[in-house]
PDB file of N, CA and C in Angstrom:
ATOM      1  N   UNK A   1      16.990   1.386 -12.317  1.00  0.00           N
ATOM      2  CA  UNK A   1      15.871   2.845 -12.121  1.00  0.00           C
ATOM      3  C   UNK A   1      14.898   2.138 -11.385  1.00  0.00           C
ATOM      4  N   UNK A   2      14.096   2.866 -10.367  1.00  0.00           N
ATOM      5  CA  UNK A   2      13.413   2.685  -9.150  1.00  0.00           C
ATOM      6  C   UNK A   2      11.541   2.499  -9.646  1.00  0.00           C
ATOM      7  N   UNK A   3      11.450   1.807  -9.034  1.00  0.00           N
ATOM      8  CA  UNK A   3       9.683   1.212  -9.703  1.00  0.00           C
ATOM      9  C   UNK A   3       8.643   2.055  -8.629  1.00  0.00           C
ATOM     10  N   UNK A   4       8.151   2.980  -9.915  1.00  0.00           N
ATOM     11  CA  UNK A   4       7.069   4.181  -8.901  1.00  0.00           C
ATOM     12  C   UNK A   4       5.888   3.840  -9.418  1.00  0.00           C
ATOM     13  N   UNK A   5       4.943   4.288  -8.001  1.00  0.00           N
ATOM     14  CA  UNK A   5       4.172   3.584  -8.238  1.00  0.00           C
ATOM     15  C   UNK A   5       2.977   5.131  -7.864  1.00  0.00           C
ATOM     16  N   UNK A   6       1.743   5.634  -8.641  1.00  0.00           N
ATOM     17  CA  UNK A   6       0.967   6.522  -8.171  1.00  0.00           C
ATOM     18  C   UNK A   6       0.161   6.294  -6.722  1.00  0.00           C
ATOM     19  N   UNK A   7      -0.318   6.851  -6.408  1.00  0.00           N
ATOM     20  CA  UNK A   7      -0.848   7.270  -5.538  1.00  0.00           C
ATOM     21  C   UNK A   7      -2.032   7.656  -5.397  1.00  0.00           C
ATOM     22  N   UNK A   8      -3.438   7.359  -5.520  1.00  0.00           N
ATOM     23  CA  UNK A   8      -4.803   7.811  -5.560  1.00  0.00           C
ATOM     24  C   UNK A   8      -5.104   8.752  -4.187  1.00  0.00           C
ATOM     25  N   UNK A   9      -5.906   9.860  -4.135  1.00  0.00           N
ATOM     26  CA  UNK A   9      -6.130  10.555  -3.480  1.00  0.00           C
ATOM     27  C   UNK A   9      -7.848   9.468  -3.359  1.00  0.00           C
ATOM     28  N   UNK A  10      -8.298   9.056  -1.961  1.00  0.00           N
ATOM     29  CA  UNK A  10      -9.515   8.492  -1.257  1.00  0.00           C
ATOM     30  C   UNK A  10     -10.586   9.332  -0.691  1.00  0.00           C
ATOM     31  N   UNK A  11     -10.036   9.762   0.092  1.00  0.00           N
ATOM     32  CA  UNK A  11     -10.747  10.512   1.002  1.00  0.00           C
ATOM     33  C   UNK A  11     -10.205  11.770   1.723  1.00  0.00           C
ATOM     34  N   UNK A  12     -11.009  12.997   2.190  1.00  0.00           N
ATOM     35  CA  UNK A  12     -11.113  14.039   2.448  1.00  0.00           C
ATOM     36  C   UNK A  12     -11.630  13.397   4.614  1.00  0.00           C
ATOM     37  N   UNK A  13     -10.641  12.455   5.344  1.00  0.00           N
ATOM     38  CA  UNK A  13     -10.948  12.616   6.579  1.00  0.00           C
ATOM     39  C   UNK A  13     -11.086  13.540   7.500  1.00  0.00           C
ATOM     40  N   UNK A  14     -12.076  13.644   8.707  1.00  0.00           N
ATOM     41  CA  UNK A  14     -13.250  14.541   9.473  1.00  0.00           C
ATOM     42  C   UNK A  14     -12.009  15.079  10.287  1.00  0.00           C
ATOM     43  N   UNK A  15     -10.958  14.569  10.350  1.00  0.00           N
ATOM     44  CA  UNK A  15      -9.527  15.375  11.367  1.00  0.00           C
ATOM     45  C   UNK A  15      -9.103  16.673  10.150  1.00  0.00           C
ATOM     46  N   UNK A  16      -9.530  16.342   8.476  1.00  0.00           N
ATOM     47  CA  UNK A  16      -8.814  17.500   7.620  1.00  0.00           C
ATOM     48  C   UNK A  16      -7.762  17.130   7.147  1.00  0.00           C
ATOM     49  N   UNK A  17      -7.424  15.640   7.694  1.00  0.00           N
ATOM     50  CA  UNK A  17      -6.088  14.842   6.680  1.00  0.00           C
ATOM     51  C   UNK A  17      -6.651  14.192   5.487  1.00  0.00           C
ATOM     52  N   UNK A  18      -6.069  14.004   4.477  1.00  0.00           N
ATOM     53  CA  UNK A  18      -6.132  13.401   2.918  1.00  0.00           C
ATOM     54  C   UNK A  18      -5.871  12.107   3.369  1.00  0.00           C
ATOM     55  N   UNK A  19      -6.884  10.905   2.764  1.00  0.00           N
ATOM     56  CA  UNK A  19      -6.106   9.585   2.955  1.00  0.00           C
ATOM     57  C   UNK A  19      -5.649   9.215   1.050  1.00  0.00           C
ATOM     58  N   UNK A  20      -4.714   8.734   1.490  1.00  0.00           N
ATOM     59  CA  UNK A  20      -4.448   8.340  -0.217  1.00  0.00           C
ATOM     60  C   UNK A  20      -3.522   6.826  -0.175  1.00  0.00           C
ATOM     61  N   UNK A  21      -4.002   5.872  -1.001  1.00  0.00           N
ATOM     62  CA  UNK A  21      -3.801   4.552  -1.191  1.00  0.00           C
ATOM     63  C   UNK A  21      -2.933   4.673  -2.930  1.00  0.00           C
ATOM     64  N   UNK A  22      -2.133   3.536  -2.712  1.00  0.00           N
ATOM     65  CA  UNK A  22      -1.997   2.810  -3.932  1.00  0.00           C
ATOM     66  C   UNK A  22      -2.538   1.716  -4.305  1.00  0.00           C
ATOM     67  N   UNK A  23      -3.180   1.236  -5.614  1.00  0.00           N
ATOM     68  CA  UNK A  23      -3.378   0.326  -6.221  1.00  0.00           C
ATOM     69  C   UNK A  23      -2.744  -0.657  -6.129  1.00  0.00           C
ATOM     70  N   UNK A  24      -1.703  -0.361  -6.508  1.00  0.00           N
ATOM     71  CA  UNK A  24      -0.634  -1.637  -6.862  1.00  0.00           C
ATOM     72  C   UNK A  24       0.308  -2.032  -5.669  1.00  0.00           C
ATOM     73  N   UNK A  25       0.419  -1.418  -5.090  1.00  0.00           N
ATOM     74  CA  UNK A  25       1.009  -2.561  -3.919  1.00  0.00           C
ATOM     75  C   UNK A  25       0.010  -2.233  -2.374  1.00  0.00           C
ATOM     76  N   UNK A  26      -0.951  -1.331  -2.282  1.00  0.00           N
ATOM     77  CA  UNK A  26      -1.598  -1.453  -1.061  1.00  0.00           C
ATOM     78  C   UNK A  26      -0.894  -0.200   0.011  1.00  0.00           C
ATOM     79  N   UNK A  27       0.057   0.554  -0.289  1.00  0.00           N
ATOM     80  CA  UNK A  27       0.323   1.260   0.447  1.00  0.00           C
ATOM     81  C   UNK A  27      -0.959   2.295   0.843  1.00  0.00           C
ATOM     82  N   UNK A  28      -1.230   2.508   2.050  1.00  0.00           N
ATOM     83  CA  UNK A  28      -2.114   3.585   2.407  1.00  0.00           C
ATOM     84  C   UNK A  28      -1.176   4.519   3.265  1.00  0.00           C
ATOM     85  N   UNK A  29      -1.783   5.486   3.558  1.00  0.00           N
ATOM     86  CA  UNK A  29      -1.489   6.240   4.210  1.00  0.00           C
ATOM     87  C   UNK A  29      -2.719   7.844   4.385  1.00  0.00           C
ATOM     88  N   UNK A  30      -2.121   8.475   5.314  1.00  0.00           N
ATOM     89  CA  UNK A  30      -2.776  10.036   6.041  1.00  0.00           C
ATOM     90  C   UNK A  30      -1.891  11.354   5.316  1.00  0.00           C
ATOM     91  N   UNK A  31      -2.754  12.281   5.130  1.00  0.00           N
ATOM     92  CA  UNK A  31      -1.028  13.564   5.122  1.00  0.00           C
ATOM     93  C   UNK A  31      -2.322  14.519   5.595  1.00  0.00           C
ATOM     94  N   UNK A  32      -1.854  15.354   5.815  1.00  0.00           N
ATOM     95  CA  UNK A  32      -2.273  16.274   7.299  1.00  0.00           C
ATOM     96  C   UNK A  32      -1.289  17.632   6.301  1.00  0.00           C
ATOM     97  N   UNK A  33      -2.348  18.852   5.593  1.00  0.00           N
ATOM     98  CA  UNK A  33      -1.075  19.807   5.046  1.00  0.00           C
ATOM     99  C   UNK A  33      -1.061  20.977   6.409  1.00  0.00           C
ATOM    100  N   UNK A  34      -0.328  21.742   5.644  1.00  0.00           N
ATOM    101  CA  UNK A  34       0.192  22.933   6.713  1.00  0.00           C
ATOM    102  C   UNK A  34      -0.963  23.720   7.104  1.00  0.00           C
ATOM    103  N   UNK A  35      -1.001  23.757   8.290  1.00  0.00           N
ATOM    104  CA  UNK A  35       0.083  24.967   9.123  1.00  0.00           C
ATOM    105  C   UNK A  35       0.415  23.540   9.726  1.00  0.00           C
ATOM    106  N   UNK A  36       0.278  22.643   9.596  1.00  0.00           N
ATOM    107  CA  UNK A  36       0.386  21.181  10.786  1.00  0.00           C
ATOM    108  C   UNK A  36       0.178  20.292  10.133  1.00  0.00           C
ATOM    109  N   UNK A  37       1.971  20.083   9.209  1.00  0.00           N
ATOM    110  CA  UNK A  37       1.703  18.570   8.569  1.00  0.00           C
ATOM    111  C   UNK A  37       2.482  17.451   8.914  1.00  0.00           C
ATOM    112  N   UNK A  38       1.801  16.308   8.550  1.00  0.00           N
ATOM    113  CA  UNK A  38       1.887  15.614   9.274  1.00  0.00           C
ATOM    114  C   UNK A  38       1.765  13.788   8.197  1.00  0.00           C
ATOM    115  N   UNK A  39       2.134  12.817   8.166  1.00  0.00           N
ATOM    116  CA  UNK A  39       2.489  11.684   7.386  1.00  0.00           C
ATOM    117  C   UNK A  39       2.738  10.349   8.474  1.00  0.00           C
ATOM    118  N   UNK A  40       1.224   9.760   7.964  1.00  0.00           N
ATOM    119  CA  UNK A  40       1.063   8.440   8.588  1.00  0.00           C
ATOM    120  C   UNK A  40       0.847   7.848   8.286  1.00  0.00           C
ATOM    121  N   UNK A  41       1.945   6.342   8.221  1.00  0.00           N
ATOM    122  CA  UNK A  41       1.727   5.396   7.305  1.00  0.00           C
ATOM    123  C   UNK A  41       0.789   4.365   7.714  1.00  0.00           C
ATOM    124  N   UNK A  42      -0.396   4.158   7.436  1.00  0.00           N
ATOM    125  CA  UNK A  42      -1.111   2.915   7.712  1.00  0.00           C
ATOM    126  C   UNK A  42      -0.824   1.695   7.323  1.00  0.00           C
ATOM    127  N   UNK A  43      -0.636   1.544   5.929  1.00  0.00           N
ATOM    128  CA  UNK A  43      -0.188   0.028   5.313  1.00  0.00           C
ATOM    129  C   UNK A  43       0.944   0.214   4.382  1.00  0.00           C
ATOM    130  N   UNK A  44       2.202  -0.059   4.968  1.00  0.00           N
ATOM    131  CA  UNK A  44       3.531   0.259   4.344  1.00  0.00           C
ATOM    132  C   UNK A  44       3.401  -0.499   2.973  1.00  0.00           C
ATOM    133  N   UNK A  45       2.782  -1.503   2.482  1.00  0.00           N
ATOM    134  CA  UNK A  45       2.664  -1.848   1.073  1.00  0.00           C
ATOM    135  C   UNK A  45       4.450  -2.327   0.441  1.00  0.00           C
ATOM    136  N   UNK A  46       4.651  -1.414  -0.441  1.00  0.00           N
ATOM    137  CA  UNK A  46       5.815  -2.093  -0.534  1.00  0.00           C
ATOM    138  C   UNK A  46       6.160  -0.580  -0.699  1.00  0.00           C
ATOM    139  N   UNK A  47       7.556  -0.572  -0.083  1.00  0.00           N
ATOM    140  CA  UNK A  47       8.585   0.001   0.701  1.00  0.00           C
ATOM    141  C   UNK A  47       9.999   0.384  -0.111  1.00  0.00           C
ATOM    142  N   UNK A  48      10.202  -1.044  -1.084  1.00  0.00           N
ATOM    143  CA  UNK A  48      11.098  -0.712  -2.834  1.00  0.00           C
ATOM    144  C   UNK A  48      10.839   0.680  -3.298  1.00  0.00           C
ATOM    145  N   UNK A  49       9.266   1.091  -3.351  1.00  0.00           N
ATOM    146  CA  UNK A  49       8.875   1.113  -4.373  1.00  0.00           C
ATOM    147  C   UNK A  49       8.808   3.269  -3.924  1.00  0.00           C
ATOM    148  N   UNK A  50       9.257   3.719  -4.892  1.00  0.00           N
ATOM    149  CA  UNK A  50       8.939   5.201  -5.071  1.00  0.00           C
ATOM    150  C   UNK A  50       7.808   5.642  -4.900  1.00  0.00           C
ATOM    151  N   UNK A  51       6.484   6.047  -4.020  1.00  0.00           N
ATOM    152  CA  UNK A  51       4.809   6.251  -4.097  1.00  0.00           C
ATOM    153  C   UNK A  51       5.043   8.076  -4.769  1.00  0.00           C
ATOM    154  N   UNK A  52       4.922   8.420  -5.963  1.00  0.00           N
ATOM    155  CA  UNK A  52       4.056  10.132  -6.271  1.00  0.00           C
ATOM    156  C   UNK A  52       2.525   9.754  -6.187  1.00  0.00           C
ATOM    157  N   UNK A  53       2.505  10.567  -5.323  1.00  0.00           N
ATOM    158  CA  UNK A  53       0.636  11.321  -5.883  1.00  0.00           C
ATOM    159  C   UNK A  53       0.384  12.292  -6.032  1.00  0.00           C
ATOM    160  N   UNK A  54      -0.604  12.676  -7.039  1.00  0.00           N
ATOM    161  CA  UNK A  54      -1.045  13.960  -7.230  1.00  0.00           C
ATOM    162  C   UNK A  54      -2.580  14.121  -7.283  1.00  0.00           C
ATOM    163  N   UNK A  55      -3.716  15.537  -7.382  1.00  0.00           N
ATOM    164  CA  UNK A  55      -4.721  14.799  -6.849  1.00  0.00           C
ATOM    165  C   UNK A  55      -5.241  15.485  -8.715  1.00  0.00           C
ATOM    166  N   UNK A  56      -4.222  15.914  -9.861  1.00  0.00           N
ATOM    167  CA  UNK A  56      -4.327  16.090 -11.026  1.00  0.00           C
ATOM    168  C   UNK A  56      -4.426  14.845 -12.189  1.00  0.00           C
ATOM    169  N   UNK A  57      -4.455  15.338 -13.288  1.00  0.00           N
ATOM    170  CA  UNK A  57      -4.704  13.743 -14.116  1.00  0.00           C
ATOM    171  C   UNK A  57      -2.838  12.854 -14.154  1.00  0.00           C
ATOM    172  N   UNK A  58      -3.394  11.408 -14.280  1.00  0.00           N
ATOM    173  CA  UNK A  58      -2.171  10.678 -14.662  1.00  0.00           C
ATOM    174  C   UNK A  58      -1.219  11.285 -15.392  1.00  0.00           C
ATOM    175  N   UNK A  59      -1.338  12.136 -16.102  1.00  0.00           N
ATOM    176  CA  UNK A  59      -0.183  12.717 -17.298  1.00  0.00           C
ATOM    177  C   UNK A  59       0.798  13.537 -16.368  1.00  0.00           C
ATOM    178  N   UNK A  60      -0.134  14.388 -15.308  1.00  0.00           N
ATOM    179  CA  UNK A  60       0.942  15.149 -14.261  1.00  0.00           C
ATOM    180  C   UNK A  60       1.730  14.796 -13.552  1.00  0.00           C
ATOM    181  N   UNK A  61       1.081  13.233 -13.058  1.00  0.00           N
ATOM    182  CA  UNK A  61       1.876  12.689 -11.994  1.00  0.00           C
ATOM    183  C   UNK A  61       3.493  11.883 -12.730  1.00  0.00           C
ATOM    184  N   UNK A  62       2.931  11.676 -14.125  1.00  0.00           N
ATOM    185  CA  UNK A  62       3.780  11.220 -15.124  1.00  0.00           C
ATOM    186  C   UNK A  62       5.111  12.151 -15.277  1.00  0.00           C
ATOM    187  N   UNK A  63       4.405  13.226 -15.341  1.00  0.00           N
ATOM    188  CA  UNK A  63       5.722  14.823 -15.590  1.00  0.00           C
ATOM    189  C   UNK A  63       6.450  14.811 -14.577  1.00  0.00           C
ATOM    190  N   UNK A  64       5.811  15.061 -13.242  1.00  0.00           N
ATOM    191  CA  UNK A  64       6.375  15.200 -12.020  1.00  0.00           C
ATOM    192  C   UNK A  64       7.636  13.918 -11.360  1.00  0.00           C
ATOM    193  N   UNK A  65       7.054  12.889 -12.199  1.00  0.00           N
ATOM    194  CA  UNK A  65       7.981  11.838 -11.425  1.00  0.00           C
ATOM    195  C   UNK A  65       9.271  11.592 -12.871  1.00  0.00           C
ATOM    196  N   UNK A  66       9.439  12.305 -13.945  1.00  0.00           N
ATOM    197  CA  UNK A  66      10.065  12.537 -14.784  1.00  0.00           C
ATOM    198  C   UNK A  66      11.361  14.047 -14.797  1.00  0.00           C
ATOM    199  N   UNK A  67      10.316  14.756 -13.468  1.00  0.00           N
ATOM    200  CA  UNK A  67      11.015  16.100 -13.484  1.00  0.00           C
ATOM    201  C   UNK A  67      12.249  15.739 -12.346  1.00  0.00           C
ATOM    202  N   UNK A  68      11.080  15.278 -11.670  1.00  0.00           N
ATOM    203  CA  UNK A  68      12.464  14.593 -10.542  1.00  0.00           C
ATOM    204  C   UNK A  68      13.423  13.318 -10.862  1.00  0.00           C
ATOM    205  N   UNK A  69      13.803  12.877 -11.868  1.00  0.00           N
ATOM    206  CA  UNK A  69      14.269  11.393 -12.406  1.00  0.00           C
ATOM    207  C   UNK A  69      13.918  10.586 -11.726  1.00  0.00           C
ATOM    208  N   UNK A  70      12.480  10.257 -11.567  1.00  0.00           N
ATOM    209  CA  UNK A  70      12.061   9.002 -11.078  1.00  0.00           C
ATOM    210  C   UNK A  70      11.642   7.861 -12.243  1.00  0.00           C
ATOM    211  N   UNK A  71      11.608   8.539 -13.682  1.00  0.00           N
ATOM    212  CA  UNK A  71      11.796   7.534 -14.379  1.00  0.00           C
ATOM    213  C   UNK A  71       9.994   7.445 -14.723  1.00  0.00           C
ATOM    214  N   UNK A  72       9.445   6.749 -15.793  1.00  0.00           N
ATOM    215  CA  UNK A  72       8.016   6.165 -16.127  1.00  0.00           C
ATOM    216  C   UNK A  72       7.075   6.144 -14.667  1.00  0.00           C
ATOM    217  N   UNK A  73       5.688   6.199 -14.759  1.00  0.00           N
ATOM    218  CA  UNK A  73       5.208   5.406 -13.562  1.00  0.00           C
ATOM    219  C   UNK A  73       4.459   4.313 -13.987  1.00  0.00           C
ATOM    220  N   UNK A  74       5.052   3.063 -12.986  1.00  0.00           N
ATOM    221  CA  UNK A  74       4.233   1.623 -13.499  1.00  0.00           C
ATOM    222  C   UNK A  74       3.663   1.580 -12.216  1.00  0.00           C
ATOM    223  N   UNK A  75       2.090   1.009 -12.901  1.00  0.00           N
ATOM    224  CA  UNK A  75       1.353   0.121 -12.176  1.00  0.00           C
ATOM    225  C   UNK A  75       1.727  -1.266 -12.394  1.00  0.00           C
ATOM    226  N   UNK A  76       2.359  -2.033 -11.258  1.00  0.00           N
ATOM    227  CA  UNK A  76       2.722  -3.463 -11.391  1.00  0.00           C
ATOM    228  C   UNK A  76       1.583  -4.747 -10.317  1.00  0.00           C
ATOM    229  N   UNK A  77       0.982  -4.913 -10.691  1.00  0.00           N
ATOM    230  CA  UNK A  77       0.124  -5.902  -9.956  1.00  0.00           C
ATOM    231  C   UNK A  77       0.834  -6.349  -8.835  1.00  0.00           C
ATOM    232  N   UNK A  78      -0.289  -7.106  -7.661  1.00  0.00           N
ATOM    233  CA  UNK A  78       0.428  -7.613  -6.894  1.00  0.00           C
ATOM    234  C   UNK A  78       0.403  -9.017  -6.733  1.00  0.00           C
ATOM    235  N   UNK A  79       1.166  -9.531  -6.174  1.00  0.00           N
ATOM    236  CA  UNK A  79       1.164 -11.216  -6.263  1.00  0.00           C
ATOM    237  C   UNK A  79      -0.027 -11.820  -5.809  1.00  0.00           C
ATOM    238  N   UNK A  80      -0.741 -12.999  -6.090  1.00  0.00           N
ATOM    239  CA  UNK A  80      -2.085 -13.001  -6.073  1.00  0.00           C
ATOM    240  C   UNK A  80      -1.295 -14.150  -3.939  1.00  0.00           C
ATOM    241  N   UNK A  81      -2.605 -14.055  -3.269  1.00  0.00           N
ATOM    242  CA  UNK A  81      -2.255 -14.484  -2.007  1.00  0.00           C
ATOM    243  C   UNK A  81      -2.175 -16.186  -1.938  1.00  0.00           C
ATOM    244  N   UNK A  82      -0.919 -16.304  -1.259  1.00  0.00           N
ATOM    245  CA  UNK A  82      -1.107 -17.663  -1.270  1.00  0.00           C
ATOM    246  C   UNK A  82      -2.528 -18.513  -0.665  1.00  0.00           C
ATOM    247  N   UNK A  83      -2.834 -19.885  -1.217  1.00  0.00           N
ATOM    248  CA  UNK A  83      -4.186 -20.619  -1.254  1.00  0.00           C
ATOM    249  C   UNK A  83      -4.077 -20.552   0.550  1.00  0.00           C
ATOM    250  N   UNK A  84      -4.874 -20.820   1.368  1.00  0.00           N
ATOM    251  CA  UNK A  84      -5.338 -21.235   2.747  1.00  0.00           C
ATOM    252  C   UNK A  84      -5.340 -22.860   2.552  1.00  0.00           C
ATOM    253  N   UNK A  85      -4.388 -23.253   3.808  1.00  0.00           N
ATOM    254  CA  UNK A  85      -4.578 -24.488   4.411  1.00  0.00           C
ATOM    255  C   UNK A  85      -5.607 -25.315   4.177  1.00  0.00           C
ATOM    256  N   UNK A  86      -5.474 -26.812   3.498  1.00  0.00           N
ATOM    257  CA  UNK A  86      -6.373 -27.537   3.878  1.00  0.00           C
ATOM    258  C   UNK A  86      -6.264 -28.377   5.024  1.00  0.00           C
ATOM    259  N   UNK A  87      -7.850 -29.269   4.926  1.00  0.00           N
ATOM    260  CA  UNK A  87      -7.789 -29.697   6.362  1.00  0.00           C
ATOM    261  C   UNK A  87      -6.668 -30.445   6.318  1.00  0.00           C
ATOM    262  N   UNK A  88      -5.808 -31.112   6.127  1.00  0.00           N
ATOM    263  CA  UNK A  88      -4.696 -31.559   6.297  1.00  0.00           C
ATOM    264  C   UNK A  88      -3.432 -31.013   6.892  1.00  0.00           C
ATOM    265  N   UNK A  89      -3.408 -29.739   6.318  1.00  0.00           N
ATOM    266  CA  UNK A  89      -2.704 -28.696   7.056  1.00  0.00           C
ATOM    267  C   UNK A  89      -2.522 -27.984   8.121  1.00  0.00           C
ATOM    268  N   UNK A  90      -3.861 -28.331   8.367  1.00  0.00           N
ATOM    269  CA  UNK A  90      -4.840 -27.799   9.576  1.00  0.00           C
ATOM    270  C   UNK A  90      -4.769 -28.457  10.679  1.00  0.00           C
ATOM    271  N   UNK A  91      -4.963 -29.845  10.722  1.00  0.00           N
ATOM    272  CA  UNK A  91      -4.388 -30.226  11.389  1.00  0.00           C
ATOM    273  C   UNK A  91      -2.975 -30.419  11.933  1.00  0.00           C
ATOM    274  N   UNK A  92      -2.003 -30.498  10.949  1.00  0.00           N
ATOM    275  CA  UNK A  92      -0.760 -30.640  11.066  1.00  0.00           C
ATOM    276  C   UNK A  92      -0.354 -29.271  11.604  1.00  0.00           C
ATOM    277  N   UNK A  93      -0.923 -28.144  11.343  1.00  0.00           N
ATOM    278  CA  UNK A  93      -0.673 -26.763  12.270  1.00  0.00           C
ATOM    279  C   UNK A  93      -1.189 -26.854  13.911  1.00  0.00           C
ATOM    280  N   UNK A  94      -2.533 -27.873  13.950  1.00  0.00           N
ATOM    281  CA  UNK A  94      -2.513 -27.607  15.299  1.00  0.00           C
ATOM    282  C   UNK A  94      -1.843 -28.770  16.133  1.00  0.00           C
ATOM    283  N   UNK A  95      -1.698 -29.934  15.651  1.00  0.00           N
ATOM    284  CA  UNK A  95      -0.424 -30.680  16.486  1.00  0.00           C
ATOM    285  C   UNK A  95       0.929 -29.274  16.576  1.00  0.00           C
ATOM    286  N   UNK A  96       1.317 -28.635  15.834  1.00  0.00           N
ATOM    287  CA  UNK A  96       2.508 -27.704  16.304  1.00  0.00           C
ATOM    288  C   UNK A  96       2.286 -26.821  17.215  1.00  0.00           C
ATOM    289  N   UNK A  97       0.714 -26.687  17.171  1.00  0.00           N
ATOM    290  CA  UNK A  97       0.275 -25.536  18.488  1.00  0.00           C
ATOM    291  C   UNK A  97      -0.384 -24.492  17.674  1.00  0.00           C
ATOM    292  N   UNK A  98      -0.278 -24.483  16.337  1.00  0.00           N
ATOM    293  CA  UNK A  98      -0.626 -23.099  15.946  1.00  0.00           C
ATOM    294  C   UNK A  98      -2.233 -23.484  15.600  1.00  0.00           C
ATOM    295  N   UNK A  99      -3.207 -22.614  15.931  1.00  0.00           N
ATOM    296  CA  UNK A  99      -5.029 -22.132  15.695  1.00  0.00           C
ATOM    297  C   UNK A  99      -4.637 -21.455  14.274  1.00  0.00           C
ATOM    298  N   UNK A 100      -5.239 -22.118  13.333  1.00  0.00           N
ATOM    299  CA  UNK A 100      -4.974 -20.971  12.036  1.00  0.00           C
ATOM    300  C   UNK A 100      -6.264 -20.107  12.211  1.00  0.00           C
ATOM    301  N   UNK A 101      -7.839 -20.796  12.254  1.00  0.00           N
ATOM    302  CA  UNK A 101      -8.552 -20.184  11.899  1.00  0.00           C
ATOM    303  C   UNK A 101      -8.746 -19.295  13.485  1.00  0.00           C
ATOM    304  N   UNK A 102      -8.513 -19.211  14.080  1.00  0.00           N
ATOM    305  CA  UNK A 102      -8.325 -18.889  15.530  1.00  0.00           C
ATOM    306  C   UNK A 102      -7.619 -17.520  15.833  1.00  0.00           C
ATOM    307  N   UNK A 103      -6.412 -17.500  14.844  1.00  0.00           N
ATOM    308  CA  UNK A 103      -5.653 -16.744  14.425  1.00  0.00           C
ATOM    309  C   UNK A 103      -3.816 -17.032  15.998  1.00  0.00           C
ATOM    310  N   UNK A 104      -4.282 -17.747  16.832  1.00  0.00           N
ATOM    311  CA  UNK A 104      -3.756 -17.739  17.767  1.00  0.00           C
ATOM    312  C   UNK A 104      -2.992 -18.834  18.431  1.00  0.00           C
ATOM    313  N   UNK A 105      -1.985 -19.515  18.613  1.00  0.00           N
ATOM    314  CA  UNK A 105      -1.491 -20.242  19.048  1.00  0.00           C
ATOM    315  C   UNK A 105      -1.876 -21.088  20.166  1.00  0.00           C
ATOM    316  N   UNK A 106      -2.128 -22.917  20.104  1.00  0.00           N
ATOM    317  CA  UNK A 106      -3.223 -23.314  20.849  1.00  0.00           C
ATOM    318  C   UNK A 106      -2.350 -23.569  22.100  1.00  0.00           C
TER     319      UNK A 106
END
């Protein structure tokens, strides 16, 4: 069974497109409706998950997921980010040509 994440409506943009975000994996998209539909992925998030978005309450999202055979909606927390390198690691990174603080190779 595939993991299903529920997309949340964020805002209607000045372009008329809607912005949607997945709180479980960070996926962000804009969706422009008819007559000129367009989907733009701003952040792919978990591309292996099925994303379902409805403006109606969460119970409707779960019903829609089941209707299409996607199973129950699951909100899986994102793993924590690894810690930033300490001073010793930063020295080693600098030795091999990586400027951690500036984000560019030295």
